[in-house]
């Protein structure tokens, strides 16, 4: 799923990943990186907050896990990433939804079993409705 999202990604896309610990947010981000033709392993940026990768487009993997308040998120100055020419995947985005871009694809992940996850995708804005439509088309052609 992540790889398909990465292939559909365009400059400026913001993908917000929400889910409990172990739901697969970092795994999904790795797939997005592969879809952007990034060979490196997209490790969790929990301790550095942001990791940058270069592929077909720049990929900014952001993790808000260690932050406790919206004020801390605002102080990070993520605007250059969120409003830039790359693709942003933000883990633990639910900690800062109020200050993240209004146009985005919100992906809520739920752990079902060791090998199963449920994903709910909520597009906000025309770009993300189109992306989700293209993703559904790609999946139905399997």
C-alpha atoms as a PDB file:
ATOM      1  CA  UNK A   1       0.000   0.000   0.000  1.00  0.00           C
ATOM      2  CA  UNK A   2       2.783   2.386   0.919  1.00  0.00           C
ATOM      3  CA  UNK A   3       4.664   1.721  -2.292  1.00  0.00           C
ATOM      4  CA  UNK A   4       1.536   2.464  -4.330  1.00  0.00           C
ATOM      5  CA  UNK A   5       1.057   5.728  -2.418  1.00  0.00           C
ATOM      6  CA  UNK A   6       4.682   6.650  -3.103  1.00  0.00           C
ATOM      7  CA  UNK A   7       4.245   6.017  -6.811  1.00  0.00           C
ATOM      8  CA  UNK A   8       1.185   8.298  -6.863  1.00  0.00           C
ATOM      9  CA  UNK A   9       2.862  11.032  -4.798  1.00  0.00           C
ATOM     10  CA  UNK A  10       3.461  14.521  -6.146  1.00  0.00           C
ATOM     11  CA  UNK A  11       5.496  17.454  -4.851  1.00  0.00           C
ATOM     12  CA  UNK A  12       3.903  18.954  -1.740  1.00  0.00           C
ATOM     13  CA  UNK A  13       1.894  15.876  -0.732  1.00  0.00           C
ATOM     14  CA  UNK A  14       1.247  15.474   2.997  1.00  0.00           C
ATOM     15  CA  UNK A  15       0.397  12.010   4.330  1.00  0.00           C
ATOM     16  CA  UNK A  16      -0.571  11.876   7.991  1.00  0.00           C
ATOM     17  CA  UNK A  17      -0.150   8.518   9.716  1.00  0.00           C
ATOM     18  CA  UNK A  18      -2.099   7.742  12.875  1.00  0.00           C
ATOM     19  CA  UNK A  19      -2.215   4.548  14.910  1.00  0.00           C
ATOM     20  CA  UNK A  20      -1.125   2.849  18.093  1.00  0.00           C
ATOM     21  CA  UNK A  21       2.422   1.670  18.677  1.00  0.00           C
ATOM     22  CA  UNK A  22       3.020  -1.326  16.411  1.00  0.00           C
ATOM     23  CA  UNK A  23       0.207  -0.500  13.976  1.00  0.00           C
ATOM     24  CA  UNK A  24       2.651  -0.256  11.059  1.00  0.00           C
ATOM     25  CA  UNK A  25       3.184   3.475  10.536  1.00  0.00           C
ATOM     26  CA  UNK A  26       6.926   3.148   9.947  1.00  0.00           C
ATOM     27  CA  UNK A  27       6.382   0.142   7.664  1.00  0.00           C
ATOM     28  CA  UNK A  28       3.910   2.174   5.604  1.00  0.00           C
ATOM     29  CA  UNK A  29       6.407   5.052   5.450  1.00  0.00           C
ATOM     30  CA  UNK A  30       9.053   2.594   4.196  1.00  0.00           C
ATOM     31  CA  UNK A  31       6.701   1.553   1.407  1.00  0.00           C
ATOM     32  CA  UNK A  32       6.109   5.195   0.478  1.00  0.00           C
ATOM     33  CA  UNK A  33       9.890   5.660   0.283  1.00  0.00           C
ATOM     34  CA  UNK A  34      10.214   2.655  -2.027  1.00  0.00           C
ATOM     35  CA  UNK A  35       7.431   4.059  -4.202  1.00  0.00           C
ATOM     36  CA  UNK A  36       9.486   7.261  -4.463  1.00  0.00           C
ATOM     37  CA  UNK A  37      12.450   5.173  -5.713  1.00  0.00           C
ATOM     38  CA  UNK A  38      14.429   5.552  -2.493  1.00  0.00           C
ATOM     39  CA  UNK A  39      16.756   2.593  -1.966  1.00  0.00           C
ATOM     40  CA  UNK A  40      17.644   3.457   1.643  1.00  0.00           C
ATOM     41  CA  UNK A  41      15.764   1.929   4.541  1.00  0.00           C
ATOM     42  CA  UNK A  42      13.418   4.570   5.993  1.00  0.00           C
ATOM     43  CA  UNK A  43      14.130   4.022   9.688  1.00  0.00           C
ATOM     44  CA  UNK A  44      11.855   5.520  12.309  1.00  0.00           C
ATOM     45  CA  UNK A  45      12.886   9.105  12.993  1.00  0.00           C
ATOM     46  CA  UNK A  46      11.593   9.016  16.595  1.00  0.00           C
ATOM     47  CA  UNK A  47      14.850  10.270  18.081  1.00  0.00           C
ATOM     48  CA  UNK A  48      15.773  12.794  15.383  1.00  0.00           C
ATOM     49  CA  UNK A  49      12.157  13.821  14.555  1.00  0.00           C
ATOM     50  CA  UNK A  50      12.820  14.263  10.794  1.00  0.00           C
ATOM     51  CA  UNK A  51      14.737  12.137   8.296  1.00  0.00           C
ATOM     52  CA  UNK A  52      15.267  13.337   4.741  1.00  0.00           C
ATOM     53  CA  UNK A  53      15.686  11.031   1.753  1.00  0.00           C
ATOM     54  CA  UNK A  54      16.243  11.754  -1.929  1.00  0.00           C
ATOM     55  CA  UNK A  55      14.455   9.759  -4.608  1.00  0.00           C
ATOM     56  CA  UNK A  56      12.135  10.685  -7.466  1.00  0.00           C
ATOM     57  CA  UNK A  57      11.037  13.426  -5.059  1.00  0.00           C
ATOM     58  CA  UNK A  58      12.463  14.470  -1.694  1.00  0.00           C
ATOM     59  CA  UNK A  59      10.868  12.464   1.103  1.00  0.00           C
ATOM     60  CA  UNK A  60      10.536  13.882   4.606  1.00  0.00           C
ATOM     61  CA  UNK A  61       9.728  11.247   7.217  1.00  0.00           C
ATOM     62  CA  UNK A  62       8.570  13.065  10.358  1.00  0.00           C
ATOM     63  CA  UNK A  63       7.794  11.452  13.705  1.00  0.00           C
ATOM     64  CA  UNK A  64       5.981  13.365  16.461  1.00  0.00           C
ATOM     65  CA  UNK A  65       6.016  10.492  18.984  1.00  0.00           C
ATOM     66  CA  UNK A  66       8.321  12.170  21.501  1.00  0.00           C
ATOM     67  CA  UNK A  67       6.480  15.485  21.479  1.00  0.00           C
ATOM     68  CA  UNK A  68       3.947  16.253  24.185  1.00  0.00           C
ATOM     69  CA  UNK A  69       2.231  19.421  23.001  1.00  0.00           C
ATOM     70  CA  UNK A  70       1.155  21.332  19.924  1.00  0.00           C
ATOM     71  CA  UNK A  71       3.498  24.115  21.032  1.00  0.00           C
ATOM     72  CA  UNK A  72       6.459  21.749  20.661  1.00  0.00           C
ATOM     73  CA  UNK A  73       5.320  20.863  17.142  1.00  0.00           C
ATOM     74  CA  UNK A  74       4.971  24.534  16.195  1.00  0.00           C
ATOM     75  CA  UNK A  75       8.462  25.259  17.583  1.00  0.00           C
ATOM     76  CA  UNK A  76       9.960  22.639  15.253  1.00  0.00           C
ATOM     77  CA  UNK A  77       9.251  24.879  12.243  1.00  0.00           C
ATOM     78  CA  UNK A  78       8.082  22.082   9.962  1.00  0.00           C
ATOM     79  CA  UNK A  79       6.616  24.506   7.407  1.00  0.00           C
ATOM     80  CA  UNK A  80       9.604  24.185   5.077  1.00  0.00           C
ATOM     81  CA  UNK A  81       8.898  20.459   4.868  1.00  0.00           C
ATOM     82  CA  UNK A  82       5.094  20.580   4.886  1.00  0.00           C
ATOM     83  CA  UNK A  83       4.893  23.353   2.286  1.00  0.00           C
ATOM     84  CA  UNK A  84       7.908  22.307   0.226  1.00  0.00           C
ATOM     85  CA  UNK A  85       8.454  20.413  -2.986  1.00  0.00           C
ATOM     86  CA  UNK A  86       8.835  17.023  -1.363  1.00  0.00           C
ATOM     87  CA  UNK A  87       6.503  14.417   0.106  1.00  0.00           C
ATOM     88  CA  UNK A  88       5.889  14.377   3.866  1.00  0.00           C
ATOM     89  CA  UNK A  89       4.836  11.357   5.879  1.00  0.00           C
ATOM     90  CA  UNK A  90       4.072  12.360   9.472  1.00  0.00           C
ATOM     91  CA  UNK A  91       3.853   9.610  12.089  1.00  0.00           C
ATOM     92  CA  UNK A  92       1.783  10.273  15.232  1.00  0.00           C
ATOM     93  CA  UNK A  93       0.092  13.109  13.334  1.00  0.00           C
ATOM     94  CA  UNK A  94      -2.880  12.998  15.715  1.00  0.00           C
ATOM     95  CA  UNK A  95      -0.705  14.890  18.209  1.00  0.00           C
ATOM     96  CA  UNK A  96      -0.827  17.983  15.983  1.00  0.00           C
ATOM     97  CA  UNK A  97      -3.753  17.793  13.551  1.00  0.00           C
ATOM     98  CA  UNK A  98      -4.777  21.365  14.407  1.00  0.00           C
ATOM     99  CA  UNK A  99      -1.485  22.811  13.100  1.00  0.00           C
ATOM    100  CA  UNK A 100      -0.881  20.468  10.162  1.00  0.00           C
ATOM    101  CA  UNK A 101      -2.072  21.359   6.638  1.00  0.00           C
ATOM    102  CA  UNK A 102      -5.813  21.180   6.051  1.00  0.00           C
ATOM    103  CA  UNK A 103      -5.338  19.522   2.659  1.00  0.00           C
ATOM    104  CA  UNK A 104      -3.880  16.093   3.372  1.00  0.00           C
ATOM    105  CA  UNK A 105      -4.431  12.375   3.331  1.00  0.00           C
ATOM    106  CA  UNK A 106      -5.096  11.125   6.857  1.00  0.00           C
ATOM    107  CA  UNK A 107      -4.327   7.420   7.193  1.00  0.00           C
ATOM    108  CA  UNK A 108      -5.517   5.757  10.387  1.00  0.00           C
ATOM    109  CA  UNK A 109      -4.005   2.346  10.984  1.00  0.00           C
ATOM    110  CA  UNK A 110      -5.342  -0.309  13.310  1.00  0.00           C
ATOM    111  CA  UNK A 111      -3.490  -3.418  14.455  1.00  0.00           C
ATOM    112  CA  UNK A 112      -5.689  -6.483  13.858  1.00  0.00           C
ATOM    113  CA  UNK A 113      -3.171  -9.303  14.204  1.00  0.00           C
ATOM    114  CA  UNK A 114       0.523 -10.038  13.743  1.00  0.00           C
ATOM    115  CA  UNK A 115       0.063  -9.985   9.965  1.00  0.00           C
ATOM    116  CA  UNK A 116      -3.067  -7.860   9.471  1.00  0.00           C
ATOM    117  CA  UNK A 117      -3.722  -4.144   9.653  1.00  0.00           C
ATOM    118  CA  UNK A 118      -6.789  -2.101   8.824  1.00  0.00           C
ATOM    119  CA  UNK A 119      -6.245   1.239   7.095  1.00  0.00           C
ATOM    120  CA  UNK A 120      -8.804   4.028   6.872  1.00  0.00           C
ATOM    121  CA  UNK A 121      -7.943   6.830   4.481  1.00  0.00           C
ATOM    122  CA  UNK A 122      -9.584  10.236   4.748  1.00  0.00           C
ATOM    123  CA  UNK A 123      -8.742  12.640   1.921  1.00  0.00           C
ATOM    124  CA  UNK A 124      -9.049  16.390   2.579  1.00  0.00           C
ATOM    125  CA  UNK A 125      -8.872  18.432  -0.608  1.00  0.00           C
ATOM    126  CA  UNK A 126      -9.197  17.701  -4.318  1.00  0.00           C
ATOM    127  CA  UNK A 127      -5.606  16.468  -4.688  1.00  0.00           C
ATOM    128  CA  UNK A 128      -6.103  13.758  -2.077  1.00  0.00           C
ATOM    129  CA  UNK A 129      -9.533  12.712  -3.351  1.00  0.00           C
ATOM    130  CA  UNK A 130      -7.863  12.202  -6.741  1.00  0.00           C
ATOM    131  CA  UNK A 131      -4.980  10.291  -5.148  1.00  0.00           C
ATOM    132  CA  UNK A 132      -7.376   7.996  -3.301  1.00  0.00           C
ATOM    133  CA  UNK A 133      -9.403   7.434  -6.476  1.00  0.00           C
ATOM    134  CA  UNK A 134      -6.236   6.480  -8.382  1.00  0.00           C
ATOM    135  CA  UNK A 135      -5.178   4.208  -5.529  1.00  0.00           C
ATOM    136  CA  UNK A 136      -8.543   2.393  -5.635  1.00  0.00           C
ATOM    137  CA  UNK A 137      -8.204   1.964  -9.417  1.00  0.00           C
ATOM    138  CA  UNK A 138      -4.725   0.476  -9.021  1.00  0.00           C
ATOM    139  CA  UNK A 139      -5.908  -1.949  -6.343  1.00  0.00           C
ATOM    140  CA  UNK A 140      -8.910  -3.151  -8.335  1.00  0.00           C
ATOM    141  CA  UNK A 141      -6.651  -3.912 -11.316  1.00  0.00           C
ATOM    142  CA  UNK A 142      -4.693  -6.487  -9.285  1.00  0.00           C
END
